Amino acid sequence: MTFTRRHLLQTTGASALLASLGQHAFAQAQQPFETARLITGFAAGGTSDTLCRRVATRLQPDYGKAVVVENRTGAGGQIAVSYVKGQPADGATLLQTPTSILTIYPHIYKKLPYDPAVDLTPVTVACQFDFGFAVGPAVPASVKSVPEFLAWAKTNADGANFGSPAAGSTPHFIGALLGKNGGVELKHAAYRGTQPAMLDLLGGNVAAVSGPIGDITQHLASGKVRILGVSGAKRSRFAPDVPTFEEQGIKNVTHSEWFAFLLPAKASPEVVARANAAMKTALAQKDVIDGLATFGLEAMSSSPAELADLLKKDTAKWAPIVKQIGFTAEG
């Protein structure tokens, strides 16, 4: 499925659903919550947290008189998902998550504390982004491309490592696929978000980081970080001078990802439609679009059905990739 911001921001499914509600239900659905909460499974300062905070400001006061962001970190985002699935499905609590937690994790965990297809209700896609692969002070300045990094890693086994925001995340698998492509095993270090990994990269404690492009570009001013490649099908507008993996002769490592908003299971059509309409309005605001762009995020939205279809297709896409890498959470 290919989304464009223009196409998705113009999706009218939620509006049509709201229009079909009875007058009484519609009036009830428009009463703002005293407090609405956006739950993210990643640390403050990263792209997931930034998205939540940008959107939260635009959900006030119509959706919630107060809208707060809660960072429930740990287990690669699972804690946040598990928390939200147990909340009332009245629309006051929404999960914001990268879709990999819902589409990749079922392939790598024998038992998850949630079932993405059962415990959550899709609301909307929020943004799309590519990943970057960056190196820091631990890697010689002469290394300027991904193939050169892989060649260096072959002769520096002790330093052949990379960090990612979570084990089993898309950035984790991108790093693993790069290693397989170069015939070298890159040791993986999982962090609670990309920002902690970037701090270790800056400190020379990890050789490379695979993460959302926006989490990396904000550190370029330090002069200690170099982005060697990006994961998109074309160069990122946020790092136009950095070649894609494909341009560097690396095949089958072209991946982008989405952040999405979801509600607990059994949310009524009225609740879903209200949340979708509020999110679409927030994500269409120029200050939100421009603010997310500074973090490498391309704002967009979708209908609940479009998000459900995306999750289904991505879940199927990742099954053979996970099998190729051979990673399991228990391994």
C-alpha atoms as a PDB file:
ATOM      1  CA  MET A   1       0.000   0.000   0.000  1.00  0.00           C
ATOM      2  CA  THR A   2       1.356   3.393  -0.974  1.00  0.00           C
ATOM      3  CA  PHE A   3       0.151   6.456   0.896  1.00  0.00           C
ATOM      4  CA  THR A   4       0.644  10.095   0.021  1.00  0.00           C
ATOM      5  CA  ARG A   5      -0.002  12.894   2.466  1.00  0.00           C
ATOM      6  CA  ARG A   6      -2.382  14.631   0.063  1.00  0.00           C
ATOM      7  CA  HIS A   7      -4.414  11.475  -0.485  1.00  0.00           C
ATOM      8  CA  LEU A   8      -4.633  10.537   3.170  1.00  0.00           C
ATOM      9  CA  LEU A   9      -5.389  13.969   4.544  1.00  0.00           C
ATOM     10  CA  GLN A  10      -8.343  14.100   2.178  1.00  0.00           C
ATOM     11  CA  THR A  11      -9.803  10.763   3.274  1.00  0.00           C
ATOM     12  CA  THR A  12     -13.415  11.350   4.255  1.00  0.00           C
ATOM     13  CA  GLY A  13     -14.439   8.057   5.812  1.00  0.00           C
ATOM     14  CA  ALA A  14     -14.500   9.338   9.384  1.00  0.00           C
ATOM     15  CA  SER A  15     -16.491  12.417   8.451  1.00  0.00           C
ATOM     16  CA  ALA A  16     -19.053  10.302   6.648  1.00  0.00           C
ATOM     17  CA  LEU A  17     -19.371   8.039   9.659  1.00  0.00           C
ATOM     18  CA  LEU A  18     -19.896  10.977  12.000  1.00  0.00           C
ATOM     19  CA  ALA A  19     -22.547  12.348   9.685  1.00  0.00           C
ATOM     20  CA  SER A  20     -24.438   9.079   9.888  1.00  0.00           C
ATOM     21  CA  LEU A  21     -24.756   9.165  13.666  1.00  0.00           C
ATOM     22  CA  GLY A  22     -27.990  10.153  15.323  1.00  0.00           C
ATOM     23  CA  GLN A  23     -28.261  13.653  16.746  1.00  0.00           C
ATOM     24  CA  HIS A  24     -28.106  12.490  20.363  1.00  0.00           C
ATOM     25  CA  ALA A  25     -25.078  10.228  19.864  1.00  0.00           C
ATOM     26  CA  PHE A  26     -23.326  12.931  17.884  1.00  0.00           C
ATOM     27  CA  ALA A  27     -23.834  15.481  20.655  1.00  0.00           C
ATOM     28  CA  GLN A  28     -22.532  13.057  23.267  1.00  0.00           C
ATOM     29  CA  ALA A  29     -19.498  12.262  21.158  1.00  0.00           C
ATOM     30  CA  GLN A  30     -18.522  15.923  20.957  1.00  0.00           C
ATOM     31  CA  GLN A  31     -18.214  16.537  24.690  1.00  0.00           C
ATOM     32  CA  PRO A  32     -14.492  17.059  25.379  1.00  0.00           C
ATOM     33  CA  PHE A  33     -12.791  14.757  27.847  1.00  0.00           C
ATOM     34  CA  GLU A  34     -11.555  16.386  31.018  1.00  0.00           C
ATOM     35  CA  THR A  35      -8.232  14.669  30.313  1.00  0.00           C
ATOM     36  CA  ALA A  36      -7.259  12.697  27.212  1.00  0.00           C
ATOM     37  CA  ARG A  37      -4.025  10.709  27.112  1.00  0.00           C
ATOM     38  CA  LEU A  38      -1.645   9.745  24.331  1.00  0.00           C
ATOM     39  CA  ILE A  39       0.485   6.749  25.311  1.00  0.00           C
ATOM     40  CA  THR A  40       3.862   6.082  23.698  1.00  0.00           C
ATOM     41  CA  GLY A  41       6.230   3.236  24.485  1.00  0.00           C
ATOM     42  CA  PHE A  42       9.366   5.265  23.850  1.00  0.00           C
ATOM     43  CA  ALA A  43      11.435   7.820  25.696  1.00  0.00           C
ATOM     44  CA  ALA A  44      10.958  11.574  25.747  1.00  0.00           C
ATOM     45  CA  GLY A  45      12.837  13.461  23.054  1.00  0.00           C
ATOM     46  CA  GLY A  46      12.516  10.852  20.314  1.00  0.00           C
ATOM     47  CA  THR A  47      10.331  10.918  17.227  1.00  0.00           C
ATOM     48  CA  SER A  48       7.457   8.971  18.784  1.00  0.00           C
ATOM     49  CA  ASP A  49       7.318  11.311  21.764  1.00  0.00           C
ATOM     50  CA  THR A  50       7.632  14.372  19.517  1.00  0.00           C
ATOM     51  CA  LEU A  51       4.698  13.275  17.379  1.00  0.00           C
ATOM     52  CA  CYS A  52       2.522  12.799  20.452  1.00  0.00           C
ATOM     53  CA  ARG A  53       3.373  16.207  21.871  1.00  0.00           C
ATOM     54  CA  ARG A  54       2.806  18.020  18.572  1.00  0.00           C
ATOM     55  CA  VAL A  55      -0.584  16.383  18.125  1.00  0.00           C
ATOM     56  CA  ALA A  56      -1.584  16.839  21.774  1.00  0.00           C
ATOM     57  CA  THR A  57      -1.434  20.612  21.492  1.00  0.00           C
ATOM     58  CA  ARG A  58      -3.908  20.492  18.605  1.00  0.00           C
ATOM     59  CA  LEU A  59      -6.361  18.159  20.346  1.00  0.00           C
ATOM     60  CA  GLN A  60      -7.003  20.769  23.032  1.00  0.00           C
ATOM     61  CA  PRO A  61      -9.594  21.889  23.993  1.00  0.00           C
ATOM     62  CA  ASP A  62     -12.096  20.309  21.605  1.00  0.00           C
ATOM     63  CA  TYR A  63     -11.114  16.657  22.055  1.00  0.00           C
ATOM     64  CA  GLY A  64      -9.775  16.967  25.583  1.00  0.00           C
ATOM     65  CA  LYS A  65      -9.720  19.976  27.882  1.00  0.00           C
ATOM     66  CA  ALA A  66      -6.267  18.681  28.753  1.00  0.00           C
ATOM     67  CA  VAL A  67      -4.291  16.244  26.594  1.00  0.00           C
ATOM     68  CA  VAL A  68      -1.237  14.673  28.205  1.00  0.00           C
ATOM     69  CA  VAL A  69       1.505  12.441  26.841  1.00  0.00           C
ATOM     70  CA  GLU A  70       2.638   9.432  28.877  1.00  0.00           C
ATOM     71  CA  ASN A  71       5.915   7.640  28.124  1.00  0.00           C
ATOM     72  CA  ARG A  72       5.428   4.034  29.238  1.00  0.00           C
ATOM     73  CA  THR A  73       8.762   2.672  28.085  1.00  0.00           C
ATOM     74  CA  GLY A  74      10.149  -0.827  28.152  1.00  0.00           C
ATOM     75  CA  ALA A  75      10.042  -4.174  26.354  1.00  0.00           C
ATOM     76  CA  GLY A  76      10.453  -2.462  22.994  1.00  0.00           C
ATOM     77  CA  GLY A  77       7.063  -0.762  23.214  1.00  0.00           C
ATOM     78  CA  GLN A  78       5.126  -3.759  24.537  1.00  0.00           C
ATOM     79  CA  ILE A  79       4.453  -2.146  27.910  1.00  0.00           C
ATOM     80  CA  ALA A  80       2.617   0.740  26.291  1.00  0.00           C
ATOM     81  CA  VAL A  81       0.514  -1.559  24.103  1.00  0.00           C
ATOM     82  CA  SER A  82      -0.337  -3.799  27.054  1.00  0.00           C
ATOM     83  CA  TYR A  83      -1.330  -0.788  29.128  1.00  0.00           C
ATOM     84  CA  VAL A  84      -3.635   0.675  26.497  1.00  0.00           C
ATOM     85  CA  LYS A  85      -5.399  -2.602  25.765  1.00  0.00           C
ATOM     86  CA  GLY A  86      -6.613  -2.636  29.372  1.00  0.00           C
ATOM     87  CA  GLN A  87      -8.033   0.891  29.322  1.00  0.00           C
ATOM     88  CA  PRO A  88     -11.681   1.828  28.746  1.00  0.00           C
ATOM     89  CA  ALA A  89     -12.504   2.092  25.046  1.00  0.00           C
ATOM     90  CA  ASP A  90     -14.195   5.462  25.446  1.00  0.00           C
ATOM     91  CA  GLY A  91     -11.651   7.435  23.413  1.00  0.00           C
ATOM     92  CA  ALA A  92      -9.892   9.099  26.337  1.00  0.00           C
ATOM     93  CA  THR A  93      -6.768   6.930  25.991  1.00  0.00           C
ATOM     94  CA  LEU A  94      -5.016   6.354  22.679  1.00  0.00           C
ATOM     95  CA  LEU A  95      -1.898   4.398  21.812  1.00  0.00           C
ATOM     96  CA  GLN A  96       0.684   5.921  19.506  1.00  0.00           C
ATOM     97  CA  THR A  97       3.132   3.348  18.185  1.00  0.00           C
ATOM     98  CA  PRO A  98       5.402   2.463  15.283  1.00  0.00           C
ATOM     99  CA  THR A  99       3.599  -0.180  13.280  1.00  0.00           C
ATOM    100  CA  SER A 100       6.464  -2.680  13.606  1.00  0.00           C
ATOM    101  CA  ILE A 101       5.355  -3.439  17.161  1.00  0.00           C
ATOM    102  CA  LEU A 102       2.114  -4.728  15.688  1.00  0.00           C
ATOM    103  CA  THR A 103       3.396  -6.280  12.453  1.00  0.00           C
ATOM    104  CA  ILE A 104       6.837  -7.710  13.291  1.00  0.00           C
ATOM    105  CA  TYR A 105       6.561  -8.705  16.941  1.00  0.00           C
ATOM    106  CA  PRO A 106       3.972 -11.461  16.262  1.00  0.00           C
ATOM    107  CA  HIS A 107       6.662 -13.203  14.184  1.00  0.00           C
ATOM    108  CA  ILE A 108       9.446 -13.017  16.779  1.00  0.00           C
ATOM    109  CA  TYR A 109       7.659 -13.604  20.097  1.00  0.00           C
ATOM    110  CA  LYS A 110       6.120 -16.966  20.834  1.00  0.00           C
ATOM    111  CA  LYS A 111       3.817 -15.227  23.263  1.00  0.00           C
ATOM    112  CA  LEU A 112       2.972 -11.530  23.345  1.00  0.00           C
ATOM    113  CA  PRO A 113       0.987  -9.840  26.125  1.00  0.00           C
ATOM    114  CA  TYR A 114      -1.365  -8.555  23.438  1.00  0.00           C
ATOM    115  CA  ASP A 115      -2.882  -9.612  20.127  1.00  0.00           C
ATOM    116  CA  PRO A 116      -2.668  -6.719  17.648  1.00  0.00           C
ATOM    117  CA  ALA A 117      -5.674  -7.990  15.701  1.00  0.00           C
ATOM    118  CA  VAL A 118      -7.861  -8.445  18.790  1.00  0.00           C
ATOM    119  CA  ASP A 119      -6.815  -5.999  21.506  1.00  0.00           C
ATOM    120  CA  LEU A 120      -6.630  -2.754  19.521  1.00  0.00           C
ATOM    121  CA  THR A 121      -8.840  -0.704  17.223  1.00  0.00           C
ATOM    122  CA  PRO A 122      -7.135   1.201  14.365  1.00  0.00           C
ATOM    123  CA  VAL A 123      -7.782   4.952  14.222  1.00  0.00           C
ATOM    124  CA  THR A 124      -5.355   6.526  11.759  1.00  0.00           C
ATOM    125  CA  VAL A 125      -1.877   6.542  10.326  1.00  0.00           C
ATOM    126  CA  ALA A 126      -0.035   9.600  11.663  1.00  0.00           C
ATOM    127  CA  CYS A 127       3.171   9.890   9.657  1.00  0.00           C
ATOM    128  CA  GLN A 128       5.649   8.032   7.504  1.00  0.00           C
ATOM    129  CA  PHE A 129       9.420   8.002   7.840  1.00  0.00           C
ATOM    130  CA  ASP A 130      12.577   6.357   6.593  1.00  0.00           C
ATOM    131  CA  PHE A 131      15.486   5.014   8.605  1.00  0.00           C
ATOM    132  CA  GLY A 132      19.095   6.046   8.596  1.00  0.00           C
ATOM    133  CA  PHE A 133      22.223   4.048   9.367  1.00  0.00           C
ATOM    134  CA  ALA A 134      24.769   6.261  11.118  1.00  0.00           C
ATOM    135  CA  VAL A 135      28.219   5.873  12.611  1.00  0.00           C
ATOM    136  CA  GLY A 136      30.048   7.845  15.274  1.00  0.00           C
ATOM    137  CA  PRO A 137      33.503   8.381  16.785  1.00  0.00           C
ATOM    138  CA  ALA A 138      34.161   4.652  17.183  1.00  0.00           C
ATOM    139  CA  VAL A 139      34.381   4.292  13.383  1.00  0.00           C
ATOM    140  CA  PRO A 140      37.276   5.843  11.422  1.00  0.00           C
ATOM    141  CA  ALA A 141      36.461   9.010   9.478  1.00  0.00           C
ATOM    142  CA  SER A 142      37.629   7.251   6.318  1.00  0.00           C
ATOM    143  CA  VAL A 143      34.456   5.114   6.418  1.00  0.00           C
ATOM    144  CA  LYS A 144      31.967   7.049   4.298  1.00  0.00           C
ATOM    145  CA  SER A 145      29.512   4.451   2.980  1.00  0.00           C
ATOM    146  CA  VAL A 146      27.652   1.371   4.158  1.00  0.00           C
ATOM    147  CA  PRO A 147      29.849  -1.040   2.118  1.00  0.00           C
ATOM    148  CA  GLU A 148      32.941   0.602   3.651  1.00  0.00           C
ATOM    149  CA  PHE A 149      31.452   0.184   7.132  1.00  0.00           C
ATOM    150  CA  LEU A 150      30.742  -3.501   6.483  1.00  0.00           C
ATOM    151  CA  ALA A 151      34.315  -3.975   5.223  1.00  0.00           C
ATOM    152  CA  TRP A 152      35.630  -2.254   8.358  1.00  0.00           C
ATOM    153  CA  ALA A 153      33.385  -4.422  10.553  1.00  0.00           C
ATOM    154  CA  LYS A 154      34.854  -7.599   9.023  1.00  0.00           C
ATOM    155  CA  THR A 155      38.304  -6.670  10.276  1.00  0.00           C
ATOM    156  CA  ASN A 156      37.130  -5.188  13.589  1.00  0.00           C
ATOM    157  CA  ALA A 157      34.977  -7.899  15.097  1.00  0.00           C
ATOM    158  CA  ASP A 158      35.067  -6.388  18.589  1.00  0.00           C
ATOM    159  CA  GLY A 159      33.606  -3.134  17.300  1.00  0.00           C
ATOM    160  CA  ALA A 160      31.191  -4.596  14.762  1.00  0.00           C
ATOM    161  CA  ASN A 161      28.000  -3.550  16.487  1.00  0.00           C
ATOM    162  CA  PHE A 162      24.998  -1.284  16.132  1.00  0.00           C
ATOM    163  CA  GLY A 163      22.200   0.016  18.324  1.00  0.00           C
ATOM    164  CA  SER A 164      18.488   0.331  17.581  1.00  0.00           C
ATOM    165  CA  PRO A 165      15.431   1.568  19.482  1.00  0.00           C
ATOM    166  CA  ALA A 166      14.246  -1.965  20.298  1.00  0.00           C
ATOM    167  CA  ALA A 167      14.932  -5.635  19.660  1.00  0.00           C
ATOM    168  CA  GLY A 168      12.666  -6.847  16.890  1.00  0.00           C
ATOM    169  CA  SER A 169      11.992  -3.350  15.559  1.00  0.00           C
ATOM    170  CA  THR A 170      12.339  -2.353  11.913  1.00  0.00           C
ATOM    171  CA  PRO A 171      15.677  -0.569  12.591  1.00  0.00           C
ATOM    172  CA  HIS A 172      16.978  -3.733  14.266  1.00  0.00           C
ATOM    173  CA  PHE A 173      16.163  -5.821  11.207  1.00  0.00           C
ATOM    174  CA  ILE A 174      17.583  -3.221   8.833  1.00  0.00           C
ATOM    175  CA  GLY A 175      20.918  -3.440  10.669  1.00  0.00           C
ATOM    176  CA  ALA A 176      20.783  -7.234  10.634  1.00  0.00           C
ATOM    177  CA  LEU A 177      19.971  -7.289   6.913  1.00  0.00           C
ATOM    178  CA  LEU A 178      22.874  -4.938   6.175  1.00  0.00           C
ATOM    179  CA  GLY A 179      25.202  -7.297   8.016  1.00  0.00           C
ATOM    180  CA  LYS A 180      23.919 -10.299   6.088  1.00  0.00           C
ATOM    181  CA  ASN A 181      24.347  -8.388   2.846  1.00  0.00           C
ATOM    182  CA  GLY A 182      27.986  -7.720   3.698  1.00  0.00           C
ATOM    183  CA  GLY A 183      28.682 -11.194   5.036  1.00  0.00           C
ATOM    184  CA  VAL A 184      29.422  -9.972   8.537  1.00  0.00           C
ATOM    185  CA  GLU A 185      27.606 -10.470  11.815  1.00  0.00           C
ATOM    186  CA  LEU A 186      26.829  -7.120  13.399  1.00  0.00           C
ATOM    187  CA  LYS A 187      26.177  -7.469  17.127  1.00  0.00           C
ATOM    188  CA  HIS A 188      22.945  -5.754  18.098  1.00  0.00           C
ATOM    189  CA  ALA A 189      22.336  -3.583  21.171  1.00  0.00           C
ATOM    190  CA  ALA A 190      18.698  -2.793  21.974  1.00  0.00           C
ATOM    191  CA  TYR A 191      17.807   0.510  23.668  1.00  0.00           C
ATOM    192  CA  ARG A 192      14.628   2.077  25.018  1.00  0.00           C
ATOM    193  CA  GLY A 193      14.272   4.369  22.048  1.00  0.00           C
ATOM    194  CA  THR A 194      16.709   5.826  19.523  1.00  0.00           C
ATOM    195  CA  GLN A 195      17.849   8.771  21.639  1.00  0.00           C
ATOM    196  CA  PRO A 196      19.600   6.618  24.284  1.00  0.00           C
ATOM    197  CA  ALA A 197      21.309   4.765  21.421  1.00  0.00           C
ATOM    198  CA  MET A 198      22.426   8.059  19.889  1.00  0.00           C
ATOM    199  CA  LEU A 199      23.957   9.155  23.188  1.00  0.00           C
ATOM    200  CA  ASP A 200      26.027   5.963  23.254  1.00  0.00           C
ATOM    201  CA  LEU A 201      26.951   6.556  19.602  1.00  0.00           C
ATOM    202  CA  LEU A 202      28.170  10.070  20.407  1.00  0.00           C
ATOM    203  CA  GLY A 203      30.143   8.676  23.333  1.00  0.00           C
ATOM    204  CA  GLY A 204      31.862   6.065  21.172  1.00  0.00           C
ATOM    205  CA  ASN A 205      30.243   3.197  23.086  1.00  0.00           C
ATOM    206  CA  VAL A 206      28.537   1.752  20.012  1.00  0.00           C
ATOM    207  CA  ALA A 207      29.834   1.877  16.438  1.00  0.00           C
ATOM    208  CA  ALA A 208      26.595   2.537  14.589  1.00  0.00           C
ATOM    209  CA  VAL A 209      22.898   3.228  15.083  1.00  0.00           C
ATOM    210  CA  SER A 210      19.967   2.221  12.914  1.00  0.00           C
ATOM    211  CA  GLY A 211      16.990   4.442  13.610  1.00  0.00           C
ATOM    212  CA  PRO A 212      14.417   6.923  12.287  1.00  0.00           C
ATOM    213  CA  ILE A 213      16.145   9.497  10.113  1.00  0.00           C
ATOM    214  CA  GLY A 214      14.873  12.384  12.254  1.00  0.00           C
ATOM    215  CA  ASP A 215      16.383  10.928  15.411  1.00  0.00           C
ATOM    216  CA  ILE A 216      19.770  10.995  13.690  1.00  0.00           C
ATOM    217  CA  THR A 217      19.720  14.278  11.778  1.00  0.00           C
ATOM    218  CA  GLN A 218      19.189  16.310  14.934  1.00  0.00           C
ATOM    219  CA  HIS A 219      22.662  15.202  16.076  1.00  0.00           C
ATOM    220  CA  LEU A 220      24.543  16.083  12.888  1.00  0.00           C
ATOM    221  CA  ALA A 221      25.482  19.535  14.206  1.00  0.00           C
ATOM    222  CA  SER A 222      27.767  17.860  16.764  1.00  0.00           C
ATOM    223  CA  GLY A 223      30.095  16.859  13.937  1.00  0.00           C
ATOM    224  CA  LYS A 224      30.467  13.412  15.497  1.00  0.00           C
ATOM    225  CA  VAL A 225      27.721  11.624  13.546  1.00  0.00           C
ATOM    226  CA  ARG A 226      27.766  10.559   9.892  1.00  0.00           C
ATOM    227  CA  ILE A 227      24.756   9.063   8.110  1.00  0.00           C
ATOM    228  CA  LEU A 228      26.007   6.422   5.695  1.00  0.00           C
ATOM    229  CA  GLY A 229      22.714   5.422   4.078  1.00  0.00           C
ATOM    230  CA  VAL A 230      18.935   5.685   4.199  1.00  0.00           C
ATOM    231  CA  SER A 231      16.324   2.953   3.877  1.00  0.00           C
ATOM    232  CA  GLY A 232      13.755   4.555   1.592  1.00  0.00           C
ATOM    233  CA  ALA A 233      13.063   3.803  -2.050  1.00  0.00           C
ATOM    234  CA  LYS A 234      14.445   7.254  -2.840  1.00  0.00           C
ATOM    235  CA  ARG A 235      16.643   9.745  -1.016  1.00  0.00           C
ATOM    236  CA  SER A 236      15.104  11.356   2.029  1.00  0.00           C
ATOM    237  CA  ARG A 237      14.263  15.032   1.686  1.00  0.00           C
ATOM    238  CA  PHE A 238      15.561  15.341   5.229  1.00  0.00           C
ATOM    239  CA  ALA A 239      19.024  14.084   4.201  1.00  0.00           C
ATOM    240  CA  PRO A 240      19.191  14.666   0.435  1.00  0.00           C
ATOM    241  CA  ASP A 241      22.951  14.169   0.207  1.00  0.00           C
ATOM    242  CA  VAL A 242      22.831  10.673   1.705  1.00  0.00           C
ATOM    243  CA  PRO A 243      22.436   7.818  -0.816  1.00  0.00           C
ATOM    244  CA  THR A 244      19.897   5.063  -0.300  1.00  0.00           C
ATOM    245  CA  PHE A 245      21.029   1.523   0.452  1.00  0.00           C
ATOM    246  CA  GLU A 246      19.872   0.593  -3.046  1.00  0.00           C
ATOM    247  CA  GLU A 247      22.132   3.242  -4.575  1.00  0.00           C
ATOM    248  CA  GLN A 248      25.050   1.655  -2.731  1.00  0.00           C
ATOM    249  CA  GLY A 249      24.355  -1.728  -4.279  1.00  0.00           C
ATOM    250  CA  ILE A 250      22.511  -3.151  -1.263  1.00  0.00           C
ATOM    251  CA  LYS A 251      19.394  -4.994  -2.355  1.00  0.00           C
ATOM    252  CA  ASN A 252      16.229  -5.892  -0.451  1.00  0.00           C
ATOM    253  CA  VAL A 253      16.802  -3.489   2.443  1.00  0.00           C
ATOM    254  CA  THR A 254      14.300  -0.858   1.337  1.00  0.00           C
ATOM    255  CA  HIS A 255      11.885  -0.160   4.182  1.00  0.00           C
ATOM    256  CA  SER A 256       9.833   2.731   5.480  1.00  0.00           C
ATOM    257  CA  GLU A 257       7.549   2.753   8.498  1.00  0.00           C
ATOM    258  CA  TRP A 258       4.505   4.446   9.900  1.00  0.00           C
ATOM    259  CA  PHE A 259       3.477   5.760  13.266  1.00  0.00           C
ATOM    260  CA  ALA A 260      -0.191   5.167  14.002  1.00  0.00           C
ATOM    261  CA  PHE A 261      -2.843   5.912  16.600  1.00  0.00           C
ATOM    262  CA  LEU A 262      -5.052   3.145  17.961  1.00  0.00           C
ATOM    263  CA  LEU A 263      -7.741   2.720  20.605  1.00  0.00           C
ATOM    264  CA  PRO A 264      -8.420  -0.224  22.912  1.00  0.00           C
ATOM    265  CA  ALA A 265     -10.525  -3.005  21.435  1.00  0.00           C
ATOM    266  CA  LYS A 266     -14.310  -2.727  21.323  1.00  0.00           C
ATOM    267  CA  ALA A 267     -14.298   1.016  20.805  1.00  0.00           C
ATOM    268  CA  SER A 268     -17.648   1.910  19.266  1.00  0.00           C
ATOM    269  CA  PRO A 269     -17.890   3.260  15.710  1.00  0.00           C
ATOM    270  CA  GLU A 270     -18.818   6.640  17.192  1.00  0.00           C
ATOM    271  CA  VAL A 271     -15.719   6.715  19.386  1.00  0.00           C
ATOM    272  CA  VAL A 272     -13.466   5.634  16.524  1.00  0.00           C
ATOM    273  CA  ALA A 273     -14.957   8.207  14.164  1.00  0.00           C
ATOM    274  CA  ARG A 274     -14.569  10.993  16.688  1.00  0.00           C
ATOM    275  CA  ALA A 275     -10.935  10.110  17.404  1.00  0.00           C
ATOM    276  CA  ASN A 276     -10.184   9.781  13.692  1.00  0.00           C
ATOM    277  CA  ALA A 277     -11.725  13.147  12.860  1.00  0.00           C
ATOM    278  CA  ALA A 278      -9.845  14.883  15.691  1.00  0.00           C
ATOM    279  CA  MET A 279      -6.523  13.293  14.699  1.00  0.00           C
ATOM    280  CA  LYS A 280      -6.963  14.133  11.024  1.00  0.00           C
ATOM    281  CA  THR A 281      -7.662  17.749  11.875  1.00  0.00           C
ATOM    282  CA  ALA A 282      -4.605  17.927  14.129  1.00  0.00           C
ATOM    283  CA  LEU A 283      -2.312  16.251  11.598  1.00  0.00           C
ATOM    284  CA  ALA A 284      -3.427  18.621   8.837  1.00  0.00           C
ATOM    285  CA  GLN A 285      -2.351  21.765  10.727  1.00  0.00           C
ATOM    286  CA  LYS A 286       0.607  23.543   9.148  1.00  0.00           C
ATOM    287  CA  ASP A 287       2.475  23.945  12.433  1.00  0.00           C
ATOM    288  CA  VAL A 288       2.135  20.199  13.093  1.00  0.00           C
ATOM    289  CA  ILE A 289       3.244  19.296   9.555  1.00  0.00           C
ATOM    290  CA  ASP A 290       6.222  21.673   9.728  1.00  0.00           C
ATOM    291  CA  GLY A 291       7.094  20.655  13.278  1.00  0.00           C
ATOM    292  CA  LEU A 292       7.114  16.955  12.429  1.00  0.00           C
ATOM    293  CA  ALA A 293       9.214  17.645   9.339  1.00  0.00           C
ATOM    294  CA  THR A 294      12.012  18.991  11.555  1.00  0.00           C
ATOM    295  CA  PHE A 295      12.211  15.463  12.974  1.00  0.00           C
ATOM    296  CA  GLY A 296      12.110  13.715   9.612  1.00  0.00           C
ATOM    297  CA  LEU A 297       8.442  12.782   9.850  1.00  0.00           C
ATOM    298  CA  GLU A 298       6.046  13.148   6.904  1.00  0.00           C
ATOM    299  CA  ALA A 299       2.633  13.965   8.393  1.00  0.00           C
ATOM    300  CA  MET A 300      -0.381  12.121   6.965  1.00  0.00           C
ATOM    301  CA  SER A 301      -3.607  10.491   8.039  1.00  0.00           C
ATOM    302  CA  SER A 302      -5.898   7.672   6.952  1.00  0.00           C
ATOM    303  CA  SER A 303      -9.248   6.099   7.601  1.00  0.00           C
ATOM    304  CA  PRO A 304      -9.426   3.339  10.238  1.00  0.00           C
ATOM    305  CA  ALA A 305     -10.016   0.804   7.444  1.00  0.00           C
ATOM    306  CA  GLU A 306      -6.906   1.935   5.552  1.00  0.00           C
ATOM    307  CA  LEU A 307      -4.780   1.544   8.677  1.00  0.00           C
ATOM    308  CA  ALA A 308      -6.251  -1.909   9.324  1.00  0.00           C
ATOM    309  CA  ASP A 309      -5.380  -2.945   5.757  1.00  0.00           C
ATOM    310  CA  LEU A 310      -1.847  -1.562   6.085  1.00  0.00           C
ATOM    311  CA  LEU A 311      -1.257  -3.511   9.290  1.00  0.00           C
ATOM    312  CA  LYS A 312      -2.518  -6.705   7.693  1.00  0.00           C
ATOM    313  CA  LYS A 313      -0.291  -6.332   4.615  1.00  0.00           C
ATOM    314  CA  ASP A 314       2.813  -5.389   6.612  1.00  0.00           C
ATOM    315  CA  THR A 315       2.323  -8.347   8.946  1.00  0.00           C
ATOM    316  CA  ALA A 316       2.388 -10.655   5.921  1.00  0.00           C
ATOM    317  CA  LYS A 317       5.386  -8.837   4.376  1.00  0.00           C
ATOM    318  CA  TRP A 318       7.600  -9.240   7.428  1.00  0.00           C
ATOM    319  CA  ALA A 319       7.038 -12.979   7.944  1.00  0.00           C
ATOM    320  CA  PRO A 320       9.635 -14.145   5.367  1.00  0.00           C
ATOM    321  CA  ILE A 321      12.091 -11.391   6.343  1.00  0.00           C
ATOM    322  CA  VAL A 322      12.069 -12.454   9.982  1.00  0.00           C
ATOM    323  CA  LYS A 323      12.560 -16.063   8.901  1.00  0.00           C
ATOM    324  CA  GLN A 324      15.538 -15.059   6.738  1.00  0.00           C
ATOM    325  CA  ILE A 325      17.216 -13.245   9.639  1.00  0.00           C
ATOM    326  CA  GLY A 326      16.454 -16.081  12.029  1.00  0.00           C
ATOM    327  CA  PHE A 327      15.839 -13.812  15.017  1.00  0.00           C
ATOM    328  CA  THR A 328      13.465 -14.708  17.816  1.00  0.00           C
ATOM    329  CA  ALA A 329      13.008 -12.814  21.037  1.00  0.00           C
ATOM    330  CA  GLU A 330      13.752 -15.988  22.955  1.00  0.00           C
ATOM    331  CA  GLY A 331      16.907 -16.706  20.945  1.00  0.00           C
END
